Amino acid sequence: MNFFLSQAHAQSSAAQQPQGGELFQIAFLVGLFLLFYFIAIRPQRKRQKEHAALVAGLAKGDEVVTNSGILGKVIKIEEDFVVLQVADNVELKFQKAVVHAVLPKGTLKAI
């Protein structure tokens, strides 16, 4: 009978974990979140703000390039859409969100 008690006591001693491991785990998770924030979340938000400013600053006469690579001149701006003149008598309507960049004046004539 004494043999079973010593086994039970040995199992309960082995089940106890060393103290201080919880603090290390919490610090590790916080550090991991901070790393993820500075590598992924913060740069993405910065790009979103820059793109929103670009779209809000569109004006008639701007020369732009879309995400698909189409170059055109803005001839009309509506609430969520922009009309681009891509060639003589060729006008295409795009969502404002697809505008990738505003080009310097005279770029279309140089091409």
PDB file of N, CA and C in Angstrom:
ATOM      1  N   MET A   1       0.811  -1.180   0.000  1.00  0.00           N
ATOM      2  CA  MET A   1       0.000   0.000   0.000  1.00  0.00           C
ATOM      3  C   MET A   1       0.867   1.261   0.000  1.00  0.00           C
ATOM      4  N   ASN A   2       1.951   1.202   0.698  1.00  0.00           N
ATOM      5  CA  ASN A   2       2.879   2.305   0.740  1.00  0.00           C
ATOM      6  C   ASN A   2       3.460   2.593  -0.645  1.00  0.00           C
ATOM      7  N   PHE A   3       3.572   1.553  -1.457  1.00  0.00           N
ATOM      8  CA  PHE A   3       4.095   1.671  -2.813  1.00  0.00           C
ATOM      9  C   PHE A   3       3.209   2.578  -3.673  1.00  0.00           C
ATOM     10  N   PHE A   4       1.864   2.469  -3.548  1.00  0.00           N
ATOM     11  CA  PHE A   4       0.933   3.277  -4.336  1.00  0.00           C
ATOM     12  C   PHE A   4       0.960   4.741  -3.905  1.00  0.00           C
ATOM     13  N   LEU A   5       1.158   5.000  -2.628  1.00  0.00           N
ATOM     14  CA  LEU A   5       1.218   6.377  -2.161  1.00  0.00           C
ATOM     15  C   LEU A   5       2.454   7.091  -2.684  1.00  0.00           C
ATOM     16  N   SER A   6       3.572   6.414  -2.758  1.00  0.00           N
ATOM     17  CA  SER A   6       4.786   7.057  -3.258  1.00  0.00           C
ATOM     18  C   SER A   6       4.663   7.358  -4.759  1.00  0.00           C
ATOM     19  N   GLN A   7       3.968   6.486  -5.513  1.00  0.00           N
ATOM     20  CA  GLN A   7       3.740   6.765  -6.935  1.00  0.00           C
ATOM     21  C   GLN A   7       2.827   7.961  -7.114  1.00  0.00           C
ATOM     22  N   ALA A   8       1.780   8.059  -6.330  1.00  0.00           N
ATOM     23  CA  ALA A   8       0.846   9.180  -6.421  1.00  0.00           C
ATOM     24  C   ALA A   8       1.547  10.479  -6.059  1.00  0.00           C
ATOM     25  N   HIS A   9       2.388  10.471  -5.060  1.00  0.00           N
ATOM     26  CA  HIS A   9       3.126  11.661  -4.664  1.00  0.00           C
ATOM     27  C   HIS A   9       4.126  12.067  -5.749  1.00  0.00           C
ATOM     28  N   ALA A  10       4.759  11.109  -6.395  1.00  0.00           N
ATOM     29  CA  ALA A  10       5.715  11.388  -7.469  1.00  0.00           C
ATOM     30  C   ALA A  10       5.007  11.986  -8.679  1.00  0.00           C
ATOM     31  N   GLN A  11       3.795  11.523  -9.000  1.00  0.00           N
ATOM     32  CA  GLN A  11       3.048  12.067 -10.128  1.00  0.00           C
ATOM     33  C   GLN A  11       2.602  13.490  -9.859  1.00  0.00           C
ATOM     34  N   SER A  12       2.163  13.802  -8.655  1.00  0.00           N
ATOM     35  CA  SER A  12       1.715  15.160  -8.358  1.00  0.00           C
ATOM     36  C   SER A  12       2.890  16.126  -8.358  1.00  0.00           C
ATOM     37  N   SER A  13       4.079  15.691  -7.984  1.00  0.00           N
ATOM     38  CA  SER A  13       5.258  16.554  -8.005  1.00  0.00           C
ATOM     39  C   SER A  13       5.690  16.836  -9.440  1.00  0.00           C
ATOM     40  N   ALA A  14       5.583  15.851 -10.306  1.00  0.00           N
ATOM     41  CA  ALA A  14       5.992  16.025 -11.694  1.00  0.00           C
ATOM     42  C   ALA A  14       4.999  16.900 -12.454  1.00  0.00           C
ATOM     43  N   ALA A  15       3.746  16.957 -12.034  1.00  0.00           N
ATOM     44  CA  ALA A  15       2.732  17.735 -12.738  1.00  0.00           C
ATOM     45  C   ALA A  15       2.871  19.225 -12.478  1.00  0.00           C
ATOM     46  N   GLN A  16       3.534  19.623 -11.435  1.00  0.00           N
ATOM     47  CA  GLN A  16       3.693  21.040 -11.131  1.00  0.00           C
ATOM     48  C   GLN A  16       4.713  21.662 -12.078  1.00  0.00           C
ATOM     49  N   GLN A  17       4.356  22.841 -12.620  1.00  0.00           N
ATOM     50  CA  GLN A  17       5.243  23.536 -13.544  1.00  0.00           C
ATOM     51  C   GLN A  17       6.063  24.563 -12.779  1.00  0.00           C
ATOM     52  N   PRO A  18       7.203  24.910 -13.276  1.00  0.00           N
ATOM     53  CA  PRO A  18       8.010  25.929 -12.614  1.00  0.00           C
ATOM     54  C   PRO A  18       7.294  27.277 -12.642  1.00  0.00           C
ATOM     55  N   GLN A  19       7.498  28.087 -11.648  1.00  0.00           N
ATOM     56  CA  GLN A  19       6.850  29.388 -11.518  1.00  0.00           C
ATOM     57  C   GLN A  19       7.497  30.404 -12.477  1.00  0.00           C
ATOM     58  N   GLY A  20       6.722  31.378 -12.908  1.00  0.00           N
ATOM     59  CA  GLY A  20       7.238  32.437 -13.769  1.00  0.00           C
ATOM     60  C   GLY A  20       7.045  32.187 -15.242  1.00  0.00           C
ATOM     61  N   GLY A  21       6.558  31.060 -15.649  1.00  0.00           N
ATOM     62  CA  GLY A  21       6.364  30.761 -17.063  1.00  0.00           C
ATOM     63  C   GLY A  21       5.229  31.560 -17.675  1.00  0.00           C
ATOM     64  N   GLU A  22       4.232  31.927 -16.872  1.00  0.00           N
ATOM     65  CA  GLU A  22       3.078  32.674 -17.389  1.00  0.00           C
ATOM     66  C   GLU A  22       3.494  34.079 -17.813  1.00  0.00           C
ATOM     67  N   LEU A  23       4.348  34.706 -17.028  1.00  0.00           N
ATOM     68  CA  LEU A  23       4.802  36.058 -17.352  1.00  0.00           C
ATOM     69  C   LEU A  23       5.603  36.058 -18.652  1.00  0.00           C
ATOM     70  N   PHE A  24       6.427  35.063 -18.843  1.00  0.00           N
ATOM     71  CA  PHE A  24       7.198  34.955 -20.079  1.00  0.00           C
ATOM     72  C   PHE A  24       6.278  34.751 -21.281  1.00  0.00           C
ATOM     73  N   GLN A  25       5.250  33.932 -21.140  1.00  0.00           N
ATOM     74  CA  GLN A  25       4.318  33.689 -22.245  1.00  0.00           C
ATOM     75  C   GLN A  25       3.561  34.963 -22.614  1.00  0.00           C
ATOM     76  N   ILE A  26       3.125  35.717 -21.621  1.00  0.00           N
ATOM     77  CA  ILE A  26       2.415  36.969 -21.888  1.00  0.00           C
ATOM     78  C   ILE A  26       3.337  37.960 -22.582  1.00  0.00           C
ATOM     79  N   ALA A  27       4.558  38.096 -22.099  1.00  0.00           N
ATOM     80  CA  ALA A  27       5.523  39.010 -22.718  1.00  0.00           C
ATOM     81  C   ALA A  27       5.828  38.576 -24.152  1.00  0.00           C
ATOM     82  N   PHE A  28       5.940  37.282 -24.387  1.00  0.00           N
ATOM     83  CA  PHE A  28       6.198  36.779 -25.735  1.00  0.00           C
ATOM     84  C   PHE A  28       5.044  37.115 -26.671  1.00  0.00           C
ATOM     85  N   LEU A  29       3.806  36.930 -26.220  1.00  0.00           N
ATOM     86  CA  LEU A  29       2.646  37.237 -27.062  1.00  0.00           C
ATOM     87  C   LEU A  29       2.548  38.734 -27.356  1.00  0.00           C
ATOM     88  N   VAL A  30       2.808  39.568 -26.363  1.00  0.00           N
ATOM     89  CA  VAL A  30       2.782  41.015 -26.576  1.00  0.00           C
ATOM     90  C   VAL A  30       3.874  41.409 -27.574  1.00  0.00           C
ATOM     91  N   GLY A  31       5.059  40.843 -27.414  1.00  0.00           N
ATOM     92  CA  GLY A  31       6.149  41.125 -28.351  1.00  0.00           C
ATOM     93  C   GLY A  31       5.824  40.675 -29.762  1.00  0.00           C
ATOM     94  N   LEU A  32       5.188  39.535 -29.890  1.00  0.00           N
ATOM     95  CA  LEU A  32       4.800  39.023 -31.199  1.00  0.00           C
ATOM     96  C   LEU A  32       3.761  39.929 -31.855  1.00  0.00           C
ATOM     97  N   PHE A  33       2.805  40.414 -31.073  1.00  0.00           N
ATOM     98  CA  PHE A  33       1.806  41.325 -31.617  1.00  0.00           C
ATOM     99  C   PHE A  33       2.451  42.636 -32.057  1.00  0.00           C
ATOM    100  N   LEU A  34       3.360  43.182 -31.261  1.00  0.00           N
ATOM    101  CA  LEU A  34       4.037  44.427 -31.633  1.00  0.00           C
ATOM    102  C   LEU A  34       4.843  44.256 -32.919  1.00  0.00           C
ATOM    103  N   LEU A  35       5.524  43.135 -33.051  1.00  0.00           N
ATOM    104  CA  LEU A  35       6.277  42.860 -34.274  1.00  0.00           C
ATOM    105  C   LEU A  35       5.339  42.796 -35.480  1.00  0.00           C
ATOM    106  N   PHE A  36       4.233  42.095 -35.351  1.00  0.00           N
ATOM    107  CA  PHE A  36       3.256  41.992 -36.434  1.00  0.00           C
ATOM    108  C   PHE A  36       2.684  43.365 -36.783  1.00  0.00           C
ATOM    109  N   TYR A  37       2.430  44.185 -35.757  1.00  0.00           N
ATOM    110  CA  TYR A  37       1.880  45.524 -35.987  1.00  0.00           C
ATOM    111  C   TYR A  37       2.843  46.371 -36.812  1.00  0.00           C
ATOM    112  N   PHE A  38       4.124  46.390 -36.441  1.00  0.00           N
ATOM    113  CA  PHE A  38       5.078  47.239 -37.142  1.00  0.00           C
ATOM    114  C   PHE A  38       5.488  46.699 -38.501  1.00  0.00           C
ATOM    115  N   ILE A  39       5.335  45.411 -38.727  1.00  0.00           N
ATOM    116  CA  ILE A  39       5.698  44.834 -40.023  1.00  0.00           C
ATOM    117  C   ILE A  39       4.530  44.831 -40.998  1.00  0.00           C
ATOM    118  N   ALA A  40       3.314  44.581 -40.533  1.00  0.00           N
ATOM    119  CA  ALA A  40       2.190  44.396 -41.452  1.00  0.00           C
ATOM    120  C   ALA A  40       1.130  45.490 -41.353  1.00  0.00           C
ATOM    121  N   ILE A  41       0.647  45.772 -40.180  1.00  0.00           N
ATOM    122  CA  ILE A  41      -0.522  46.646 -40.044  1.00  0.00           C
ATOM    123  C   ILE A  41      -0.180  48.108 -40.315  1.00  0.00           C
ATOM    124  N   ARG A  42       0.861  48.614 -39.702  1.00  0.00           N
ATOM    125  CA  ARG A  42       1.203  50.034 -39.819  1.00  0.00           C
ATOM    126  C   ARG A  42       1.536  50.448 -41.260  1.00  0.00           C
ATOM    127  N   PRO A  43       2.388  49.717 -41.986  1.00  0.00           N
ATOM    128  CA  PRO A  43       2.656  50.107 -43.377  1.00  0.00           C
ATOM    129  C   PRO A  43       1.420  50.045 -44.281  1.00  0.00           C
ATOM    130  N   GLN A  44       0.537  49.074 -44.035  1.00  0.00           N
ATOM    131  CA  GLN A  44      -0.670  48.966 -44.846  1.00  0.00           C
ATOM    132  C   GLN A  44      -1.585  50.159 -44.618  1.00  0.00           C
ATOM    133  N   ARG A  45      -1.739  50.584 -43.385  1.00  0.00           N
ATOM    134  CA  ARG A  45      -2.560  51.765 -43.096  1.00  0.00           C
ATOM    135  C   ARG A  45      -1.975  53.007 -43.733  1.00  0.00           C
ATOM    136  N   LYS A  46      -0.657  53.124 -43.737  1.00  0.00           N
ATOM    137  CA  LYS A  46      -0.005  54.274 -44.357  1.00  0.00           C
ATOM    138  C   LYS A  46      -0.297  54.312 -45.855  1.00  0.00           C
ATOM    139  N   ARG A  47      -0.190  53.145 -46.517  1.00  0.00           N
ATOM    140  CA  ARG A  47      -0.495  53.080 -47.952  1.00  0.00           C
ATOM    141  C   ARG A  47      -1.957  53.420 -48.232  1.00  0.00           C
ATOM    142  N   GLN A  48      -2.865  52.959 -47.360  1.00  0.00           N
ATOM    143  CA  GLN A  48      -4.280  53.263 -47.551  1.00  0.00           C
ATOM    144  C   GLN A  48      -4.542  54.758 -47.439  1.00  0.00           C
ATOM    145  N   LYS A  49      -3.925  55.412 -46.480  1.00  0.00           N
ATOM    146  CA  LYS A  49      -4.104  56.859 -46.316  1.00  0.00           C
ATOM    147  C   LYS A  49      -3.549  57.614 -47.514  1.00  0.00           C
ATOM    148  N   GLU A  50      -2.380  57.207 -48.012  1.00  0.00           N
ATOM    149  CA  GLU A  50      -1.795  57.865 -49.176  1.00  0.00           C
ATOM    150  C   GLU A  50      -2.679  57.694 -50.407  1.00  0.00           C
ATOM    151  N   HIS A  51      -3.241  56.502 -50.598  1.00  0.00           N
ATOM    152  CA  HIS A  51      -4.108  56.268 -51.757  1.00  0.00           C
ATOM    153  C   HIS A  51      -5.404  57.056 -51.628  1.00  0.00           C
ATOM    154  N   ALA A  52      -5.960  57.134 -50.425  1.00  0.00           N
ATOM    155  CA  ALA A  52      -7.183  57.913 -50.224  1.00  0.00           C
ATOM    156  C   ALA A  52      -6.933  59.389 -50.517  1.00  0.00           C
ATOM    157  N   ALA A  53      -5.780  59.914 -50.134  1.00  0.00           N
ATOM    158  CA  ALA A  53      -5.437  61.308 -50.429  1.00  0.00           C
ATOM    159  C   ALA A  53      -5.259  61.513 -51.927  1.00  0.00           C
ATOM    160  N   LEU A  54      -4.661  60.540 -52.611  1.00  0.00           N
ATOM    161  CA  LEU A  54      -4.482  60.633 -54.056  1.00  0.00           C
ATOM    162  C   LEU A  54      -5.835  60.671 -54.758  1.00  0.00           C
ATOM    163  N   VAL A  55      -6.744  59.786 -54.368  1.00  0.00           N
ATOM    164  CA  VAL A  55      -8.068  59.729 -54.997  1.00  0.00           C
ATOM    165  C   VAL A  55      -8.867  60.992 -54.687  1.00  0.00           C
ATOM    166  N   ALA A  56      -8.767  61.495 -53.471  1.00  0.00           N
ATOM    167  CA  ALA A  56      -9.505  62.706 -53.113  1.00  0.00           C
ATOM    168  C   ALA A  56      -8.965  63.930 -53.847  1.00  0.00           C
ATOM    169  N   GLY A  57      -7.696  63.900 -54.208  1.00  0.00           N
ATOM    170  CA  GLY A  57      -7.084  65.047 -54.875  1.00  0.00           C
ATOM    171  C   GLY A  57      -7.163  65.014 -56.389  1.00  0.00           C
ATOM    172  N   LEU A  58      -7.864  64.054 -56.954  1.00  0.00           N
ATOM    173  CA  LEU A  58      -8.000  64.011 -58.412  1.00  0.00           C
ATOM    174  C   LEU A  58      -8.741  65.241 -58.918  1.00  0.00           C
ATOM    175  N   ALA A  59      -8.247  65.776 -60.037  1.00  0.00           N
ATOM    176  CA  ALA A  59      -8.878  66.954 -60.628  1.00  0.00           C
ATOM    177  C   ALA A  59      -8.978  66.749 -62.139  1.00  0.00           C
ATOM    178  N   LYS A  60      -9.868  67.508 -62.727  1.00  0.00           N
ATOM    179  CA  LYS A  60     -10.044  67.445 -64.179  1.00  0.00           C
ATOM    180  C   LYS A  60      -8.738  67.896 -64.834  1.00  0.00           C
ATOM    181  N   GLY A  61      -8.280  67.121 -65.821  1.00  0.00           N
ATOM    182  CA  GLY A  61      -7.052  67.446 -66.529  1.00  0.00           C
ATOM    183  C   GLY A  61      -5.841  66.669 -66.046  1.00  0.00           C
ATOM    184  N   ASP A  62      -5.960  65.976 -64.918  1.00  0.00           N
ATOM    185  CA  ASP A  62      -4.857  65.153 -64.428  1.00  0.00           C
ATOM    186  C   ASP A  62      -4.624  63.970 -65.355  1.00  0.00           C
ATOM    187  N   GLU A  63      -3.368  63.614 -65.519  1.00  0.00           N
ATOM    188  CA  GLU A  63      -3.008  62.420 -66.282  1.00  0.00           C
ATOM    189  C   GLU A  63      -2.714  61.328 -65.274  1.00  0.00           C
ATOM    190  N   VAL A  64      -3.402  60.178 -65.436  1.00  0.00           N
ATOM    191  CA  VAL A  64      -3.322  59.111 -64.433  1.00  0.00           C
ATOM    192  C   VAL A  64      -3.044  57.773 -65.099  1.00  0.00           C
ATOM    193  N   VAL A  65      -2.629  56.831 -64.257  1.00  0.00           N
ATOM    194  CA  VAL A  65      -2.490  55.438 -64.675  1.00  0.00           C
ATOM    195  C   VAL A  65      -3.338  54.614 -63.714  1.00  0.00           C
ATOM    196  N   THR A  66      -4.060  53.627 -64.272  1.00  0.00           N
ATOM    197  CA  THR A  66      -4.912  52.776 -63.454  1.00  0.00           C
ATOM    198  C   THR A  66      -4.144  51.539 -63.015  1.00  0.00           C
ATOM    199  N   ASN A  67      -4.749  50.751 -62.127  1.00  0.00           N
ATOM    200  CA  ASN A  67      -4.129  49.507 -61.665  1.00  0.00           C
ATOM    201  C   ASN A  67      -3.872  48.539 -62.815  1.00  0.00           C
ATOM    202  N   SER A  68      -4.688  48.612 -63.844  1.00  0.00           N
ATOM    203  CA  SER A  68      -4.523  47.706 -64.986  1.00  0.00           C
ATOM    204  C   SER A  68      -3.518  48.229 -65.998  1.00  0.00           C
ATOM    205  N   GLY A  69      -2.964  49.431 -65.770  1.00  0.00           N
ATOM    206  CA  GLY A  69      -1.939  49.964 -66.659  1.00  0.00           C
ATOM    207  C   GLY A  69      -2.461  50.882 -67.747  1.00  0.00           C
ATOM    208  N   ILE A  70      -3.730  51.241 -67.699  1.00  0.00           N
ATOM    209  CA  ILE A  70      -4.299  52.126 -68.713  1.00  0.00           C
ATOM    210  C   ILE A  70      -3.958  53.567 -68.355  1.00  0.00           C
ATOM    211  N   LEU A  71      -3.392  54.279 -69.336  1.00  0.00           N
ATOM    212  CA  LEU A  71      -3.061  55.692 -69.152  1.00  0.00           C
ATOM    213  C   LEU A  71      -4.183  56.534 -69.730  1.00  0.00           C
ATOM    214  N   GLY A  72      -4.527  57.611 -69.049  1.00  0.00           N
ATOM    215  CA  GLY A  72      -5.571  58.472 -69.554  1.00  0.00           C
ATOM    216  C   GLY A  72      -5.581  59.812 -68.870  1.00  0.00           C
ATOM    217  N   LYS A  73      -6.374  60.698 -69.445  1.00  0.00           N
ATOM    218  CA  LYS A  73      -6.529  62.053 -68.913  1.00  0.00           C
ATOM    219  C   LYS A  73      -7.929  62.173 -68.323  1.00  0.00           C
ATOM    220  N   VAL A  74      -8.018  62.692 -67.116  1.00  0.00           N
ATOM    221  CA  VAL A  74      -9.305  62.835 -66.441  1.00  0.00           C
ATOM    222  C   VAL A  74     -10.084  63.949 -67.128  1.00  0.00           C
ATOM    223  N   ILE A  75     -11.287  63.605 -67.611  1.00  0.00           N
ATOM    224  CA  ILE A  75     -12.122  64.628 -68.245  1.00  0.00           C
ATOM    225  C   ILE A  75     -13.398  64.891 -67.451  1.00  0.00           C
ATOM    226  N   LYS A  76     -13.754  63.968 -66.555  1.00  0.00           N
ATOM    227  CA  LYS A  76     -14.959  64.159 -65.762  1.00  0.00           C
ATOM    228  C   LYS A  76     -14.814  63.372 -64.467  1.00  0.00           C
ATOM    229  N   ILE A  77     -15.216  63.996 -63.361  1.00  0.00           N
ATOM    230  CA  ILE A  77     -15.167  63.330 -62.057  1.00  0.00           C
ATOM    231  C   ILE A  77     -16.570  63.294 -61.490  1.00  0.00           C
ATOM    232  N   GLU A  78     -17.008  62.095 -61.164  1.00  0.00           N
ATOM    233  CA  GLU A  78     -18.305  61.918 -60.518  1.00  0.00           C
ATOM    234  C   GLU A  78     -18.063  61.489 -59.081  1.00  0.00           C
ATOM    235  N   GLU A  79     -19.118  61.135 -58.363  1.00  0.00           N
ATOM    236  CA  GLU A  79     -18.986  60.804 -56.941  1.00  0.00           C
ATOM    237  C   GLU A  79     -18.003  59.668 -56.686  1.00  0.00           C
ATOM    238  N   ASP A  80     -18.217  58.517 -57.305  1.00  0.00           N
ATOM    239  CA  ASP A  80     -17.344  57.361 -57.106  1.00  0.00           C
ATOM    240  C   ASP A  80     -16.623  56.945 -58.380  1.00  0.00           C
ATOM    241  N   PHE A  81     -16.830  57.686 -59.460  1.00  0.00           N
ATOM    242  CA  PHE A  81     -16.276  57.301 -60.747  1.00  0.00           C
ATOM    243  C   PHE A  81     -15.490  58.447 -61.358  1.00  0.00           C
ATOM    244  N   VAL A  82     -14.615  58.077 -62.272  1.00  0.00           N
ATOM    245  CA  VAL A  82     -13.836  59.044 -63.029  1.00  0.00           C
ATOM    246  C   VAL A  82     -13.870  58.617 -64.496  1.00  0.00           C
ATOM    247  N   VAL A  83     -14.010  59.574 -65.389  1.00  0.00           N
ATOM    248  CA  VAL A  83     -14.035  59.296 -66.824  1.00  0.00           C
ATOM    249  C   VAL A  83     -12.685  59.711 -67.385  1.00  0.00           C
ATOM    250  N   LEU A  84     -12.028  58.757 -68.050  1.00  0.00           N
ATOM    251  CA  LEU A  84     -10.713  59.008 -68.631  1.00  0.00           C
ATOM    252  C   LEU A  84     -10.794  59.019 -70.143  1.00  0.00           C
ATOM    253  N   GLN A  85     -10.070  59.945 -70.737  1.00  0.00           N
ATOM    254  CA  GLN A  85      -9.925  59.957 -72.192  1.00  0.00           C
ATOM    255  C   GLN A  85      -8.608  59.236 -72.484  1.00  0.00           C
ATOM    256  N   VAL A  86      -8.695  58.073 -73.119  1.00  0.00           N
ATOM    257  CA  VAL A  86      -7.508  57.258 -73.369  1.00  0.00           C
ATOM    258  C   VAL A  86      -6.994  57.413 -74.799  1.00  0.00           C
ATOM    259  N   ALA A  87      -7.827  57.917 -75.686  1.00  0.00           N
ATOM    260  CA  ALA A  87      -7.441  58.184 -77.072  1.00  0.00           C
ATOM    261  C   ALA A  87      -8.451  59.189 -77.619  1.00  0.00           C
ATOM    262  N   ASP A  88      -8.234  59.629 -78.854  1.00  0.00           N
ATOM    263  CA  ASP A  88      -9.196  60.545 -79.456  1.00  0.00           C
ATOM    264  C   ASP A  88     -10.553  59.864 -79.559  1.00  0.00           C
ATOM    265  N   ASN A  89     -11.579  60.513 -79.045  1.00  0.00           N
ATOM    266  CA  ASN A  89     -12.964  60.024 -79.064  1.00  0.00           C
ATOM    267  C   ASN A  89     -13.140  58.691 -78.334  1.00  0.00           C
ATOM    268  N   VAL A  90     -12.254  58.349 -77.405  1.00  0.00           N
ATOM    269  CA  VAL A  90     -12.389  57.123 -76.613  1.00  0.00           C
ATOM    270  C   VAL A  90     -12.359  57.515 -75.142  1.00  0.00           C
ATOM    271  N   GLU A  91     -13.522  57.335 -74.500  1.00  0.00           N
ATOM    272  CA  GLU A  91     -13.636  57.665 -73.079  1.00  0.00           C
ATOM    273  C   GLU A  91     -14.026  56.396 -72.323  1.00  0.00           C
ATOM    274  N   LEU A  92     -13.355  56.166 -71.206  1.00  0.00           N
ATOM    275  CA  LEU A  92     -13.640  55.008 -70.367  1.00  0.00           C
ATOM    276  C   LEU A  92     -13.979  55.484 -68.966  1.00  0.00           C
ATOM    277  N   LYS A  93     -14.936  54.796 -68.354  1.00  0.00           N
ATOM    278  CA  LYS A  93     -15.375  55.152 -67.010  1.00  0.00           C
ATOM    279  C   LYS A  93     -14.829  54.121 -66.018  1.00  0.00           C
ATOM    280  N   PHE A  94     -14.152  54.592 -64.985  1.00  0.00           N
ATOM    281  CA  PHE A  94     -13.553  53.729 -63.975  1.00  0.00           C
ATOM    282  C   PHE A  94     -13.994  54.168 -62.586  1.00  0.00           C
ATOM    283  N   GLN A  95     -13.911  53.243 -61.652  1.00  0.00           N
ATOM    284  CA  GLN A  95     -14.081  53.616 -60.251  1.00  0.00           C
ATOM    285  C   GLN A  95     -12.840  54.392 -59.830  1.00  0.00           C
ATOM    286  N   LYS A  96     -13.018  55.324 -58.914  1.00  0.00           N
ATOM    287  CA  LYS A  96     -11.879  56.121 -58.463  1.00  0.00           C
ATOM    288  C   LYS A  96     -10.813  55.259 -57.789  1.00  0.00           C
ATOM    289  N   ALA A  97     -11.224  54.177 -57.173  1.00  0.00           N
ATOM    290  CA  ALA A  97     -10.289  53.335 -56.422  1.00  0.00           C
ATOM    291  C   ALA A  97      -9.246  52.660 -57.313  1.00  0.00           C
ATOM    292  N   VAL A  98      -9.495  52.539 -58.611  1.00  0.00           N
ATOM    293  CA  VAL A  98      -8.536  51.865 -59.480  1.00  0.00           C
ATOM    294  C   VAL A  98      -7.436  52.787 -59.977  1.00  0.00           C
ATOM    295  N   VAL A  99      -7.506  54.058 -59.650  1.00  0.00           N
ATOM    296  CA  VAL A  99      -6.439  54.978 -60.039  1.00  0.00           C
ATOM    297  C   VAL A  99      -5.212  54.662 -59.194  1.00  0.00           C
ATOM    298  N   HIS A 100      -4.124  54.349 -59.875  1.00  0.00           N
ATOM    299  CA  HIS A 100      -2.902  53.940 -59.175  1.00  0.00           C
ATOM    300  C   HIS A 100      -1.991  55.131 -58.881  1.00  0.00           C
ATOM    301  N   ALA A 101      -1.844  56.025 -59.846  1.00  0.00           N
ATOM    302  CA  ALA A 101      -0.929  57.144 -59.655  1.00  0.00           C
ATOM    303  C   ALA A 101      -1.312  58.288 -60.580  1.00  0.00           C
ATOM    304  N   VAL A 102      -0.946  59.488 -60.171  1.00  0.00           N
ATOM    305  CA  VAL A 102      -1.098  60.670 -61.010  1.00  0.00           C
ATOM    306  C   VAL A 102       0.257  60.926 -61.658  1.00  0.00           C
ATOM    307  N   LEU A 103       0.244  61.070 -62.974  1.00  0.00           N
ATOM    308  CA  LEU A 103       1.473  61.262 -63.732  1.00  0.00           C
ATOM    309  C   LEU A 103       1.777  62.749 -63.885  1.00  0.00           C
ATOM    310  N   PRO A 104       3.025  63.091 -64.124  1.00  0.00           N
ATOM    311  CA  PRO A 104       3.364  64.513 -64.393  1.00  0.00           C
ATOM    312  C   PRO A 104       2.698  64.980 -65.677  1.00  0.00           C
ATOM    313  N   LYS A 105       2.401  66.271 -65.745  1.00  0.00           N
ATOM    314  CA  LYS A 105       1.760  66.846 -66.932  1.00  0.00           C
ATOM    315  C   LYS A 105       2.647  66.632 -68.160  1.00  0.00           C
ATOM    316  N   GLY A 106       2.030  66.286 -69.266  1.00  0.00           N
ATOM    317  CA  GLY A 106       2.745  66.087 -70.524  1.00  0.00           C
ATOM    318  C   GLY A 106       3.252  64.669 -70.736  1.00  0.00           C
ATOM    319  N   THR A 107       2.982  63.778 -69.807  1.00  0.00           N
ATOM    320  CA  THR A 107       3.459  62.398 -69.953  1.00  0.00           C
ATOM    321  C   THR A 107       2.787  61.695 -71.130  1.00  0.00           C
ATOM    322  N   LEU A 108       1.494  61.926 -71.302  1.00  0.00           N
ATOM    323  CA  LEU A 108       0.769  61.241 -72.380  1.00  0.00           C
ATOM    324  C   LEU A 108       1.243  61.703 -73.754  1.00  0.00           C
ATOM    325  N   LYS A 109       1.565  62.971 -73.888  1.00  0.00           N
ATOM    326  CA  LYS A 109       2.046  63.459 -75.185  1.00  0.00           C
ATOM    327  C   LYS A 109       3.450  62.947 -75.486  1.00  0.00           C
ATOM    328  N   ALA A 110       4.215  62.686 -74.439  1.00  0.00           N
ATOM    329  CA  ALA A 110       5.594  62.207 -74.645  1.00  0.00           C
ATOM    330  C   ALA A 110       5.614  60.734 -75.057  1.00  0.00           C
ATOM    331  N   ILE A 111       4.554  60.028 -74.757  1.00  0.00           N
ATOM    332  CA  ILE A 111       4.523  58.581 -75.078  1.00  0.00           C
ATOM    333  C   ILE A 111       4.145  58.372 -76.499  1.00  0.00           C
TER     334      ILE A 111
END
